[in-house]
PDB file of N, CA and C in Angstrom:
ATOM      1  N   MET A   1     131.902  41.141 167.004  1.00  0.00           N
ATOM      2  CA  MET A   1     131.509  42.359 166.013  1.00  0.00           C
ATOM      3  C   MET A   1     131.893  42.340 164.740  1.00  0.00           C
ATOM      4  N   ASN A   2     131.283  42.499 163.628  1.00  0.00           N
ATOM      5  CA  ASN A   2     131.974  42.657 162.449  1.00  0.00           C
ATOM      6  C   ASN A   2     131.898  44.291 162.345  1.00  0.00           C
ATOM      7  N   ALA A   3     133.684  44.223 161.483  1.00  0.00           N
ATOM      8  CA  ALA A   3     133.842  45.916 161.090  1.00  0.00           C
ATOM      9  C   ALA A   3     133.428  45.788 159.668  1.00  0.00           C
ATOM     10  N   VAL A   4     132.840  46.851 159.553  1.00  0.00           N
ATOM     11  CA  VAL A   4     132.110  47.371 157.885  1.00  0.00           C
ATOM     12  C   VAL A   4     132.803  48.635 157.625  1.00  0.00           C
ATOM     13  N   LEU A   5     133.197  48.865 156.577  1.00  0.00           N
ATOM     14  CA  LEU A   5     133.651  50.081 156.090  1.00  0.00           C
ATOM     15  C   LEU A   5     132.939  50.277 154.675  1.00  0.00           C
ATOM     16  N   LEU A   6     132.206  51.353 155.026  1.00  0.00           N
ATOM     17  CA  LEU A   6     131.210  52.098 153.839  1.00  0.00           C
ATOM     18  C   LEU A   6     131.962  53.342 153.150  1.00  0.00           C
ATOM     19  N   THR A   7     132.240  53.127 152.135  1.00  0.00           N
ATOM     20  CA  THR A   7     132.792  54.214 151.364  1.00  0.00           C
ATOM     21  C   THR A   7     131.953  55.025 150.292  1.00  0.00           C
ATOM     22  N   GLY A   8     132.282  55.916 149.878  1.00  0.00           N
ATOM     23  CA  GLY A   8     131.126  56.452 148.951  1.00  0.00           C
ATOM     24  C   GLY A   8     131.773  56.885 147.555  1.00  0.00           C
ATOM     25  N   ALA A   9     130.773  57.322 146.769  1.00  0.00           N
ATOM     26  CA  ALA A   9     131.476  58.085 145.293  1.00  0.00           C
ATOM     27  C   ALA A   9     132.504  59.161 145.618  1.00  0.00           C
ATOM     28  N   GLY A  10     133.859  58.651 144.624  1.00  0.00           N
ATOM     29  CA  GLY A  10     134.928  59.114 145.112  1.00  0.00           C
ATOM     30  C   GLY A  10     136.128  58.730 145.951  1.00  0.00           C
ATOM     31  N   PHE A  11     135.893  57.657 146.291  1.00  0.00           N
ATOM     32  CA  PHE A  11     136.856  56.844 147.557  1.00  0.00           C
ATOM     33  C   PHE A  11     137.777  56.814 146.576  1.00  0.00           C
ATOM     34  N   SER A  12     137.805  56.219 145.427  1.00  0.00           N
ATOM     35  CA  SER A  12     139.073  55.763 144.785  1.00  0.00           C
ATOM     36  C   SER A  12     139.564  57.143 144.047  1.00  0.00           C
ATOM     37  N   HIS A  13     139.438  58.187 144.218  1.00  0.00           N
ATOM     38  CA  HIS A  13     139.811  59.275 143.549  1.00  0.00           C
ATOM     39  C   HIS A  13     141.473  59.879 143.948  1.00  0.00           C
ATOM     40  N   ASN A  14     141.897  59.381 145.115  1.00  0.00           N
ATOM     41  CA  ASN A  14     143.228  59.700 145.226  1.00  0.00           C
ATOM     42  C   ASN A  14     144.152  58.993 144.692  1.00  0.00           C
ATOM     43  N   TRP A  15     143.871  57.722 143.705  1.00  0.00           N
ATOM     44  CA  TRP A  15     144.508  56.676 143.281  1.00  0.00           C
ATOM     45  C   TRP A  15     144.387  56.900 141.700  1.00  0.00           C
ATOM     46  N   GLY A  16     143.090  57.793 141.346  1.00  0.00           N
ATOM     47  CA  GLY A  16     143.588  57.958 139.653  1.00  0.00           C
ATOM     48  C   GLY A  16     141.843  57.615 139.252  1.00  0.00           C
ATOM     49  N   GLY A  17     141.076  57.226 140.116  1.00  0.00           N
ATOM     50  CA  GLY A  17     139.651  56.825 139.935  1.00  0.00           C
ATOM     51  C   GLY A  17     139.177  58.014 139.623  1.00  0.00           C
ATOM     52  N   ARG A  18     138.089  58.013 138.832  1.00  0.00           N
ATOM     53  CA  ARG A  18     137.232  59.182 138.644  1.00  0.00           C
ATOM     54  C   ARG A  18     135.574  58.806 138.711  1.00  0.00           C
ATOM     55  N   LEU A  19     134.850  59.474 139.000  1.00  0.00           N
ATOM     56  CA  LEU A  19     133.266  59.384 139.078  1.00  0.00           C
ATOM     57  C   LEU A  19     132.743  58.754 137.832  1.00  0.00           C
ATOM     58  N   ALA A  20     132.141  58.161 137.886  1.00  0.00           N
ATOM     59  CA  ALA A  20     131.340  57.422 136.431  1.00  0.00           C
ATOM     60  C   ALA A  20     130.237  58.279 136.249  1.00  0.00           C
ATOM     61  N   ARG A  21     130.370  59.370 135.463  1.00  0.00           N
ATOM     62  CA  ARG A  21     129.249  60.010 135.287  1.00  0.00           C
ATOM     63  C   ARG A  21     128.816  60.458 133.731  1.00  0.00           C
ATOM     64  N   ASN A  22     127.795  60.886 133.656  1.00  0.00           N
ATOM     65  CA  ASN A  22     127.173  61.473 132.205  1.00  0.00           C
ATOM     66  C   ASN A  22     128.532  61.864 131.260  1.00  0.00           C
ATOM     67  N   SER A  23     129.208  62.850 131.798  1.00  0.00           N
ATOM     68  CA  SER A  23     130.617  63.589 131.535  1.00  0.00           C
ATOM     69  C   SER A  23     131.525  62.737 130.741  1.00  0.00           C
ATOM     70  N   ALA A  24     131.766  61.757 131.566  1.00  0.00           N
ATOM     71  CA  ALA A  24     132.890  60.981 130.890  1.00  0.00           C
ATOM     72  C   ALA A  24     132.129  60.085 129.795  1.00  0.00           C
ATOM     73  N   VAL A  25     131.013  59.625 129.925  1.00  0.00           N
ATOM     74  CA  VAL A  25     130.584  59.061 128.770  1.00  0.00           C
ATOM     75  C   VAL A  25     130.386  60.124 127.837  1.00  0.00           C
ATOM     76  N   ALA A  26     129.520  61.054 128.025  1.00  0.00           N
ATOM     77  CA  ALA A  26     129.021  61.803 127.152  1.00  0.00           C
ATOM     78  C   ALA A  26     130.320  62.394 126.274  1.00  0.00           C
ATOM     79  N   MET A  27     131.573  62.695 126.412  1.00  0.00           N
ATOM     80  CA  MET A  27     132.859  62.895 126.202  1.00  0.00           C
ATOM     81  C   MET A  27     133.038  62.155 124.963  1.00  0.00           C
ATOM     82  N   ARG A  28     132.839  60.595 125.064  1.00  0.00           N
ATOM     83  CA  ARG A  28     133.160  59.838 124.060  1.00  0.00           C
ATOM     84  C   ARG A  28     132.210  59.741 122.904  1.00  0.00           C
ATOM     85  N   LEU A  29     130.655  60.873 123.124  1.00  0.00           N
ATOM     86  CA  LEU A  29     129.906  60.471 122.011  1.00  0.00           C
ATOM     87  C   LEU A  29     129.556  61.870 121.475  1.00  0.00           C
ATOM     88  N   GLN A  30     130.418  63.021 121.407  1.00  0.00           N
ATOM     89  CA  GLN A  30     130.321  64.029 121.452  1.00  0.00           C
ATOM     90  C   GLN A  30     129.767  64.169 119.771  1.00  0.00           C
ATOM     91  N   GLY A  31     130.118  63.306 118.876  1.00  0.00           N
ATOM     92  CA  GLY A  31     129.883  63.684 117.634  1.00  0.00           C
ATOM     93  C   GLY A  31     128.696  63.213 116.985  1.00  0.00           C
ATOM     94  N   ASP A  32     127.849  62.535 118.131  1.00  0.00           N
ATOM     95  CA  ASP A  32     126.370  61.575 117.754  1.00  0.00           C
ATOM     96  C   ASP A  32     125.418  62.463 118.490  1.00  0.00           C
ATOM     97  N   ARG A  33     124.677  63.263 117.928  1.00  0.00           N
ATOM     98  CA  ARG A  33     123.900  64.306 118.820  1.00  0.00           C
ATOM     99  C   ARG A  33     122.804  63.537 119.043  1.00  0.00           C
ATOM    100  N   ASP A  34     122.190  62.849 118.621  1.00  0.00           N
ATOM    101  CA  ASP A  34     120.985  61.830 119.029  1.00  0.00           C
ATOM    102  C   ASP A  34     121.267  61.336 120.598  1.00  0.00           C
ATOM    103  N   LEU A  35     122.568  60.495 120.898  1.00  0.00           N
ATOM    104  CA  LEU A  35     122.950  60.207 121.653  1.00  0.00           C
ATOM    105  C   LEU A  35     123.425  61.151 123.204  1.00  0.00           C
ATOM    106  N   ALA A  36     123.783  62.473 122.484  1.00  0.00           N
ATOM    107  CA  ALA A  36     124.307  63.591 123.504  1.00  0.00           C
ATOM    108  C   ALA A  36     123.148  63.882 124.454  1.00  0.00           C
ATOM    109  N   ASP A  37     122.121  64.236 123.078  1.00  0.00           N
ATOM    110  CA  ASP A  37     120.552  64.585 123.692  1.00  0.00           C
ATOM    111  C   ASP A  37     119.985  63.419 124.866  1.00  0.00           C
ATOM    112  N   LEU A  38     120.293  62.445 124.253  1.00  0.00           N
ATOM    113  CA  LEU A  38     119.591  61.403 125.495  1.00  0.00           C
ATOM    114  C   LEU A  38     120.472  61.905 126.466  1.00  0.00           C
ATOM    115  N   LEU A  39     121.751  61.812 126.945  1.00  0.00           N
ATOM    116  CA  LEU A  39     122.448  61.809 128.081  1.00  0.00           C
ATOM    117  C   LEU A  39     121.972  63.365 128.747  1.00  0.00           C
ATOM    118  N   ARG A  40     121.824  64.139 127.799  1.00  0.00           N
ATOM    119  CA  ARG A  40     121.380  65.276 128.704  1.00  0.00           C
ATOM    120  C   ARG A  40     120.278  65.334 129.113  1.00  0.00           C
ATOM    121  N   ARG A  41     119.154  64.394 128.591  1.00  0.00           N
ATOM    122  CA  ARG A  41     117.837  64.173 129.196  1.00  0.00           C
ATOM    123  C   ARG A  41     117.562  63.224 130.155  1.00  0.00           C
ATOM    124  N   ASN A  42     118.516  62.516 130.573  1.00  0.00           N
ATOM    125  CA  ASN A  42     118.423  61.733 131.692  1.00  0.00           C
ATOM    126  C   ASN A  42     119.942  61.912 132.643  1.00  0.00           C
ATOM    127  N   PRO A  43     119.276  62.166 133.754  1.00  0.00           N
ATOM    128  CA  PRO A  43     120.206  62.114 134.776  1.00  0.00           C
ATOM    129  C   PRO A  43     121.805  61.673 135.356  1.00  0.00           C
ATOM    130  N   ASN A  44     121.540  60.277 134.768  1.00  0.00           N
ATOM    131  CA  ASN A  44     123.068  59.489 134.827  1.00  0.00           C
ATOM    132  C   ASN A  44     122.864  58.248 133.362  1.00  0.00           C
ATOM    133  N   PHE A  45     123.999  57.710 133.350  1.00  0.00           N
ATOM    134  CA  PHE A  45     124.064  57.377 131.862  1.00  0.00           C
ATOM    135  C   PHE A  45     122.933  55.933 132.153  1.00  0.00           C
ATOM    136  N   GLU A  46     123.086  55.503 133.572  1.00  0.00           N
ATOM    137  CA  GLU A  46     122.268  54.118 133.514  1.00  0.00           C
ATOM    138  C   GLU A  46     121.022  54.323 133.094  1.00  0.00           C
ATOM    139  N   GLU A  47     120.289  55.285 133.297  1.00  0.00           N
ATOM    140  CA  GLU A  47     118.923  55.818 132.703  1.00  0.00           C
ATOM    141  C   GLU A  47     118.772  55.625 131.302  1.00  0.00           C
ATOM    142  N   ALA A  48     119.884  56.336 130.726  1.00  0.00           N
ATOM    143  CA  ALA A  48     119.961  56.451 129.446  1.00  0.00           C
ATOM    144  C   ALA A  48     120.140  54.976 128.732  1.00  0.00           C
ATOM    145  N   LEU A  49     121.020  54.230 129.351  1.00  0.00           N
ATOM    146  CA  LEU A  49     121.324  52.698 129.051  1.00  0.00           C
ATOM    147  C   LEU A  49     119.736  52.231 128.655  1.00  0.00           C
ATOM    148  N   THR A  50     119.318  52.335 129.971  1.00  0.00           N
ATOM    149  CA  THR A  50     117.877  51.416 130.153  1.00  0.00           C
ATOM    150  C   THR A  50     116.727  51.805 129.134  1.00  0.00           C
ATOM    151  N   GLU A  51     116.800  53.117 128.674  1.00  0.00           N
ATOM    152  CA  GLU A  51     116.050  53.555 127.799  1.00  0.00           C
ATOM    153  C   GLU A  51     116.266  53.118 126.538  1.00  0.00           C
ATOM    154  N   LEU A  52     117.553  52.988 126.073  1.00  0.00           N
ATOM    155  CA  LEU A  52     118.135  52.538 124.932  1.00  0.00           C
ATOM    156  C   LEU A  52     117.495  50.572 124.993  1.00  0.00           C
ATOM    157  N   GLN A  53     118.334  50.508 126.067  1.00  0.00           N
ATOM    158  CA  GLN A  53     117.805  48.794 126.079  1.00  0.00           C
ATOM    159  C   GLN A  53     116.575  48.232 125.728  1.00  0.00           C
ATOM    160  N   ASN A  54     115.434  49.331 126.396  1.00  0.00           N
ATOM    161  CA  ASN A  54     114.095  49.144 126.172  1.00  0.00           C
ATOM    162  C   ASN A  54     113.640  49.345 124.531  1.00  0.00           C
ATOM    163  N   GLU A  55     114.163  50.266 124.098  1.00  0.00           N
ATOM    164  CA  GLU A  55     114.039  50.840 122.743  1.00  0.00           C
ATOM    165  C   GLU A  55     114.251  49.807 121.652  1.00  0.00           C
ATOM    166  N   CYS A  56     115.559  48.792 121.780  1.00  0.00           N
ATOM    167  CA  CYS A  56     116.034  48.303 121.110  1.00  0.00           C
ATOM    168  C   CYS A  56     115.456  46.906 121.362  1.00  0.00           C
ATOM    169  N   ALA A  57     114.816  46.816 122.685  1.00  0.00           N
ATOM    170  CA  ALA A  57     114.069  45.368 122.821  1.00  0.00           C
ATOM    171  C   ALA A  57     112.821  45.352 122.049  1.00  0.00           C
ATOM    172  N   VAL A  58     112.248  46.465 121.984  1.00  0.00           N
ATOM    173  CA  VAL A  58     110.674  46.535 121.333  1.00  0.00           C
ATOM    174  C   VAL A  58     110.607  46.941 120.043  1.00  0.00           C
ATOM    175  N   SER A  59     111.802  47.497 118.935  1.00  0.00           N
ATOM    176  CA  SER A  59     111.680  47.986 118.177  1.00  0.00           C
ATOM    177  C   SER A  59     112.432  47.196 117.003  1.00  0.00           C
ATOM    178  N   ALA A  60     111.864  47.433 115.837  1.00  0.00           N
ATOM    179  CA  ALA A  60     112.235  46.451 114.720  1.00  0.00           C
ATOM    180  C   ALA A  60     113.385  46.975 114.031  1.00  0.00           C
ATOM    181  N   ARG A  61     113.594  48.485 114.386  1.00  0.00           N
ATOM    182  CA  ARG A  61     114.417  49.231 113.557  1.00  0.00           C
ATOM    183  C   ARG A  61     115.983  49.046 114.097  1.00  0.00           C
ATOM    184  N   PRO A  62     116.806  48.393 113.301  1.00  0.00           N
ATOM    185  CA  PRO A  62     118.123  48.304 113.137  1.00  0.00           C
ATOM    186  C   PRO A  62     119.128  49.390 114.437  1.00  0.00           C
ATOM    187  N   ARG A  63     118.459  50.925 113.609  1.00  0.00           N
ATOM    188  CA  ARG A  63     119.310  52.045 114.203  1.00  0.00           C
ATOM    189  C   ARG A  63     119.057  52.044 115.854  1.00  0.00           C
ATOM    190  N   ALA A  64     118.007  51.476 116.029  1.00  0.00           N
ATOM    191  CA  ALA A  64     117.740  51.207 117.618  1.00  0.00           C
ATOM    192  C   ALA A  64     118.892  50.679 118.505  1.00  0.00           C
ATOM    193  N   CYS A  65     118.885  49.514 117.910  1.00  0.00           N
ATOM    194  CA  CYS A  65     120.280  48.630 118.401  1.00  0.00           C
ATOM    195  C   CYS A  65     121.501  49.296 118.054  1.00  0.00           C
ATOM    196  N   GLU A  66     121.710  49.797 116.950  1.00  0.00           N
ATOM    197  CA  GLU A  66     123.219  50.714 116.989  1.00  0.00           C
ATOM    198  C   GLU A  66     123.708  51.616 117.529  1.00  0.00           C
ATOM    199  N   ARG A  67     122.452  52.356 118.150  1.00  0.00           N
ATOM    200  CA  ARG A  67     122.576  53.313 119.270  1.00  0.00           C
ATOM    201  C   ARG A  67     123.013  53.102 120.486  1.00  0.00           C
ATOM    202  N   LEU A  68     122.491  51.620 120.833  1.00  0.00           N
ATOM    203  CA  LEU A  68     122.794  50.942 122.156  1.00  0.00           C
ATOM    204  C   LEU A  68     124.094  50.520 122.191  1.00  0.00           C
ATOM    205  N   GLU A  69     124.510  49.592 121.141  1.00  0.00           N
ATOM    206  CA  GLU A  69     125.901  49.312 120.968  1.00  0.00           C
ATOM    207  C   GLU A  69     126.899  50.478 120.943  1.00  0.00           C
ATOM    208  N   LYS A  70     126.540  51.703 120.560  1.00  0.00           N
ATOM    209  CA  LYS A  70     127.624  52.764 120.536  1.00  0.00           C
ATOM    210  C   LYS A  70     127.815  52.989 122.225  1.00  0.00           C
ATOM    211  N   LEU A  71     126.427  53.257 122.717  1.00  0.00           N
ATOM    212  CA  LEU A  71     126.309  54.080 124.134  1.00  0.00           C
ATOM    213  C   LEU A  71     127.203  52.927 124.854  1.00  0.00           C
ATOM    214  N   GLU A  72     126.873  51.541 124.677  1.00  0.00           N
ATOM    215  CA  GLU A  72     127.386  50.413 125.417  1.00  0.00           C
ATOM    216  C   GLU A  72     128.980  50.504 125.591  1.00  0.00           C
ATOM    217  N   ALA A  73     129.581  50.959 124.179  1.00  0.00           N
ATOM    218  CA  ALA A  73     131.210  51.059 124.138  1.00  0.00           C
ATOM    219  C   ALA A  73     131.394  52.303 124.622  1.00  0.00           C
ATOM    220  N   ALA A  74     130.845  53.281 124.928  1.00  0.00           N
ATOM    221  CA  ALA A  74     131.302  54.581 125.618  1.00  0.00           C
ATOM    222  C   ALA A  74     131.256  54.190 127.016  1.00  0.00           C
ATOM    223  N   ILE A  75     130.562  53.476 127.481  1.00  0.00           N
ATOM    224  CA  ILE A  75     130.032  53.351 129.115  1.00  0.00           C
ATOM    225  C   ILE A  75     131.672  52.123 129.234  1.00  0.00           C
ATOM    226  N   VAL A  76     131.841  51.410 128.350  1.00  0.00           N
ATOM    227  CA  VAL A  76     132.713  50.466 128.603  1.00  0.00           C
ATOM    228  C   VAL A  76     133.996  51.094 128.428  1.00  0.00           C
ATOM    229  N   ALA A  77     134.492  52.244 127.447  1.00  0.00           N
ATOM    230  CA  ALA A  77     135.578  52.669 127.409  1.00  0.00           C
ATOM    231  C   ALA A  77     135.973  53.787 128.525  1.00  0.00           C
ATOM    232  N   ALA A  78     134.942  54.251 129.253  1.00  0.00           N
ATOM    233  CA  ALA A  78     135.054  55.349 130.784  1.00  0.00           C
ATOM    234  C   ALA A  78     135.416  54.289 131.463  1.00  0.00           C
ATOM    235  N   PHE A  79     135.054  53.295 131.747  1.00  0.00           N
ATOM    236  CA  PHE A  79     135.103  52.437 133.060  1.00  0.00           C
ATOM    237  C   PHE A  79     136.735  51.794 132.390  1.00  0.00           C
ATOM    238  N   GLY A  80     137.026  51.380 131.488  1.00  0.00           N
ATOM    239  CA  GLY A  80     137.962  51.022 130.994  1.00  0.00           C
ATOM    240  C   GLY A  80     139.614  51.945 131.542  1.00  0.00           C
ATOM    241  N   GLU A  81     139.191  53.178 131.177  1.00  0.00           N
ATOM    242  CA  GLU A  81     140.081  54.512 131.740  1.00  0.00           C
ATOM    243  C   GLU A  81     140.197  54.132 132.976  1.00  0.00           C
ATOM    244  N   MET A  82     138.806  54.428 133.742  1.00  0.00           N
ATOM    245  CA  MET A  82     139.209  53.979 135.054  1.00  0.00           C
ATOM    246  C   MET A  82     140.114  53.022 135.720  1.00  0.00           C
ATOM    247  N   ASN A  83     139.830  52.072 135.267  1.00  0.00           N
ATOM    248  CA  ASN A  83     140.446  50.645 135.686  1.00  0.00           C
ATOM    249  C   ASN A  83     142.053  50.739 135.300  1.00  0.00           C
ATOM    250  N   ARG A  84     142.382  51.532 134.286  1.00  0.00           N
ATOM    251  CA  ARG A  84     143.587  51.430 133.937  1.00  0.00           C
ATOM    252  C   ARG A  84     144.537  52.560 135.083  1.00  0.00           C
ATOM    253  N   ASN A  85     143.584  53.813 135.201  1.00  0.00           N
ATOM    254  CA  ASN A  85     144.221  54.683 136.230  1.00  0.00           C
ATOM    255  C   ASN A  85     144.415  53.881 137.374  1.00  0.00           C
ATOM    256  N   LEU A  86     143.571  53.082 137.660  1.00  0.00           N
ATOM    257  CA  LEU A  86     143.727  52.585 138.805  1.00  0.00           C
ATOM    258  C   LEU A  86     144.568  51.571 139.199  1.00  0.00           C
ATOM    259  N   ALA A  87     145.026  50.687 138.118  1.00  0.00           N
ATOM    260  CA  ALA A  87     146.008  49.594 138.256  1.00  0.00           C
ATOM    261  C   ALA A  87     147.267  50.209 138.184  1.00  0.00           C
ATOM    262  N   ALA A  88     147.409  51.370 137.906  1.00  0.00           N
ATOM    263  CA  ALA A  88     148.857  52.477 137.746  1.00  0.00           C
ATOM    264  C   ALA A  88     149.039  52.880 139.031  1.00  0.00           C
ATOM    265  N   GLY A  89     148.107  53.044 139.765  1.00  0.00           N
ATOM    266  CA  GLY A  89     148.274  53.547 141.490  1.00  0.00           C
ATOM    267  C   GLY A  89     148.927  52.581 142.211  1.00  0.00           C
ATOM    268  N   SER A  90     149.652  53.165 143.133  1.00  0.00           N
ATOM    269  CA  SER A  90     150.073  52.350 144.341  1.00  0.00           C
ATOM    270  C   SER A  90     149.016  52.207 145.358  1.00  0.00           C
ATOM    271  N   PHE A  91     147.822  53.225 145.597  1.00  0.00           N
ATOM    272  CA  PHE A  91     147.268  52.817 146.740  1.00  0.00           C
ATOM    273  C   PHE A  91     147.541  53.185 148.147  1.00  0.00           C
ATOM    274  N   ASN A  92     148.864  53.796 148.061  1.00  0.00           N
ATOM    275  CA  ASN A  92     149.393  54.367 149.327  1.00  0.00           C
ATOM    276  C   ASN A  92     149.725  55.771 149.647  1.00  0.00           C
ATOM    277  N   PHE A  93     149.765  56.360 150.581  1.00  0.00           N
ATOM    278  CA  PHE A  93     150.017  57.323 150.672  1.00  0.00           C
ATOM    279  C   PHE A  93     151.600  57.918 150.874  1.00  0.00           C
ATOM    280  N   CYS A  94     152.176  56.547 151.470  1.00  0.00           N
ATOM    281  CA  CYS A  94     153.708  56.787 152.107  1.00  0.00           C
ATOM    282  C   CYS A  94     154.097  55.027 151.916  1.00  0.00           C
ATOM    283  N   THR A  95     155.735  55.245 151.991  1.00  0.00           N
ATOM    284  CA  THR A  95     155.972  53.843 151.848  1.00  0.00           C
ATOM    285  C   THR A  95     156.257  52.828 153.162  1.00  0.00           C
ATOM    286  N   ASP A  96     155.731  53.395 154.122  1.00  0.00           N
ATOM    287  CA  ASP A  96     155.935  52.691 155.461  1.00  0.00           C
ATOM    288  C   ASP A  96     154.357  51.670 155.616  1.00  0.00           C
ATOM    289  N   LYS A  97     155.073  50.441 155.560  1.00  0.00           N
ATOM    290  CA  LYS A  97     153.857  49.436 155.591  1.00  0.00           C
ATOM    291  C   LYS A  97     152.648  49.718 156.573  1.00  0.00           C
ATOM    292  N   LYS A  98     153.217  49.958 157.651  1.00  0.00           N
ATOM    293  CA  LYS A  98     151.878  49.755 158.615  1.00  0.00           C
ATOM    294  C   LYS A  98     151.126  50.838 158.155  1.00  0.00           C
ATOM    295  N   TYR A  99     151.056  52.159 157.371  1.00  0.00           N
ATOM    296  CA  TYR A  99     150.586  52.867 156.667  1.00  0.00           C
ATOM    297  C   TYR A  99     149.766  52.736 155.818  1.00  0.00           C
ATOM    298  N   SER A 100     149.858  51.525 155.134  1.00  0.00           N
ATOM    299  CA  SER A 100     149.546  51.274 153.716  1.00  0.00           C
ATOM    300  C   SER A 100     147.826  51.138 153.642  1.00  0.00           C
ATOM    301  N   SER A 101     147.282  51.225 152.517  1.00  0.00           N
ATOM    302  CA  SER A 101     145.838  50.944 152.638  1.00  0.00           C
ATOM    303  C   SER A 101     145.566  49.582 152.459  1.00  0.00           C
ATOM    304  N   PHE A 102     146.456  48.726 151.966  1.00  0.00           N
ATOM    305  CA  PHE A 102     145.944  47.211 152.127  1.00  0.00           C
ATOM    306  C   PHE A 102     145.932  46.938 153.449  1.00  0.00           C
ATOM    307  N   GLU A 103     146.929  47.360 154.494  1.00  0.00           N
ATOM    308  CA  GLU A 103     146.893  46.866 155.670  1.00  0.00           C
ATOM    309  C   GLU A 103     145.647  47.580 156.607  1.00  0.00           C
ATOM    310  N   PHE A 104     145.180  48.401 155.860  1.00  0.00           N
ATOM    311  CA  PHE A 104     144.103  49.302 156.625  1.00  0.00           C
ATOM    312  C   PHE A 104     142.696  48.345 156.143  1.00  0.00           C
ATOM    313  N   LEU A 105     142.519  48.159 154.665  1.00  0.00           N
ATOM    314  CA  LEU A 105     141.529  47.462 154.315  1.00  0.00           C
ATOM    315  C   LEU A 105     141.435  46.276 154.748  1.00  0.00           C
ATOM    316  N   ILE A 106     142.241  45.393 155.092  1.00  0.00           N
ATOM    317  CA  ILE A 106     142.550  44.251 155.585  1.00  0.00           C
ATOM    318  C   ILE A 106     141.479  44.366 156.860  1.00  0.00           C
ATOM    319  N   LEU A 107     141.442  45.078 157.497  1.00  0.00           N
ATOM    320  CA  LEU A 107     140.770  45.188 159.054  1.00  0.00           C
ATOM    321  C   LEU A 107     139.126  44.929 159.046  1.00  0.00           C
ATOM    322  N   PHE A 108     138.839  45.200 157.739  1.00  0.00           N
ATOM    323  CA  PHE A 108     137.381  45.046 157.430  1.00  0.00           C
ATOM    324  C   PHE A 108     136.989  43.644 157.309  1.00  0.00           C
ATOM    325  N   ASP A 109     135.706  43.228 157.732  1.00  0.00           N
ATOM    326  CA  ASP A 109     135.006  41.742 157.288  1.00  0.00           C
ATOM    327  C   ASP A 109     134.320  42.259 155.981  1.00  0.00           C
ATOM    328  N   ALA A 110     133.945  43.389 155.876  1.00  0.00           N
ATOM    329  CA  ALA A 110     133.252  43.925 154.712  1.00  0.00           C
ATOM    330  C   ALA A 110     133.315  45.107 154.165  1.00  0.00           C
ATOM    331  N   ILE A 111     133.192  45.288 152.809  1.00  0.00           N
ATOM    332  CA  ILE A 111     133.390  46.865 152.402  1.00  0.00           C
ATOM    333  C   ILE A 111     132.299  47.007 151.487  1.00  0.00           C
ATOM    334  N   PHE A 112     131.672  47.883 151.593  1.00  0.00           N
ATOM    335  CA  PHE A 112     130.592  48.484 150.545  1.00  0.00           C
ATOM    336  C   PHE A 112     130.853  49.683 150.231  1.00  0.00           C
ATOM    337  N   THR A 113     130.477  50.335 148.510  1.00  0.00           N
ATOM    338  CA  THR A 113     130.646  51.213 148.377  1.00  0.00           C
ATOM    339  C   THR A 113     128.989  52.186 148.168  1.00  0.00           C
ATOM    340  N   LEU A 114     128.862  53.023 148.639  1.00  0.00           N
ATOM    341  CA  LEU A 114     127.493  53.771 148.476  1.00  0.00           C
ATOM    342  C   LEU A 114     127.542  54.652 147.701  1.00  0.00           C
ATOM    343  N   ASN A 115     127.092  55.023 146.739  1.00  0.00           N
ATOM    344  CA  ASN A 115     126.754  56.163 145.721  1.00  0.00           C
ATOM    345  C   ASN A 115     125.255  56.740 145.735  1.00  0.00           C
ATOM    346  N   GLN A 116     125.933  58.271 145.893  1.00  0.00           N
ATOM    347  CA  GLN A 116     124.612  58.937 146.029  1.00  0.00           C
ATOM    348  C   GLN A 116     124.114  59.530 144.341  1.00  0.00           C
ATOM    349  N   ARG A 117     123.153  59.995 144.656  1.00  0.00           N
ATOM    350  CA  ARG A 117     122.590  60.787 142.876  1.00  0.00           C
ATOM    351  C   ARG A 117     121.995  62.010 143.363  1.00  0.00           C
ATOM    352  N   ASN A 118     122.356  62.696 142.613  1.00  0.00           N
ATOM    353  CA  ASN A 118     122.010  64.194 142.992  1.00  0.00           C
ATOM    354  C   ASN A 118     120.970  64.515 141.834  1.00  0.00           C
ATOM    355  N   GLU A 119     119.822  65.017 142.011  1.00  0.00           N
ATOM    356  CA  GLU A 119     118.965  65.205 141.024  1.00  0.00           C
ATOM    357  C   GLU A 119     118.313  66.874 140.992  1.00  0.00           C
TER     358      GLU A 119
END
């Protein structure tokens, strides 16, 4: 029998991870009213990204692709911050090796992260 671990949004929170949500991206785009409105209209940044990707693909206006690049940069920055926080963490709650997160995680044949979406 395979042992599978299912985690959800927030699993990495104990080690400095943050949820990837609009607010983490929007915070980096405060000075751009159009992008701020776009993020308010969309329930998550992935949908805002898709909207801009489609707009850039069909539009001959350079402004459309500039907006896309700016949103992509904000998303990369938000995930970069999360990665830096996680890289600085020890992923353990105590120093006893038998209780380490690593020793626990290697017990599983597969680890899946499930994310939920609230609308």
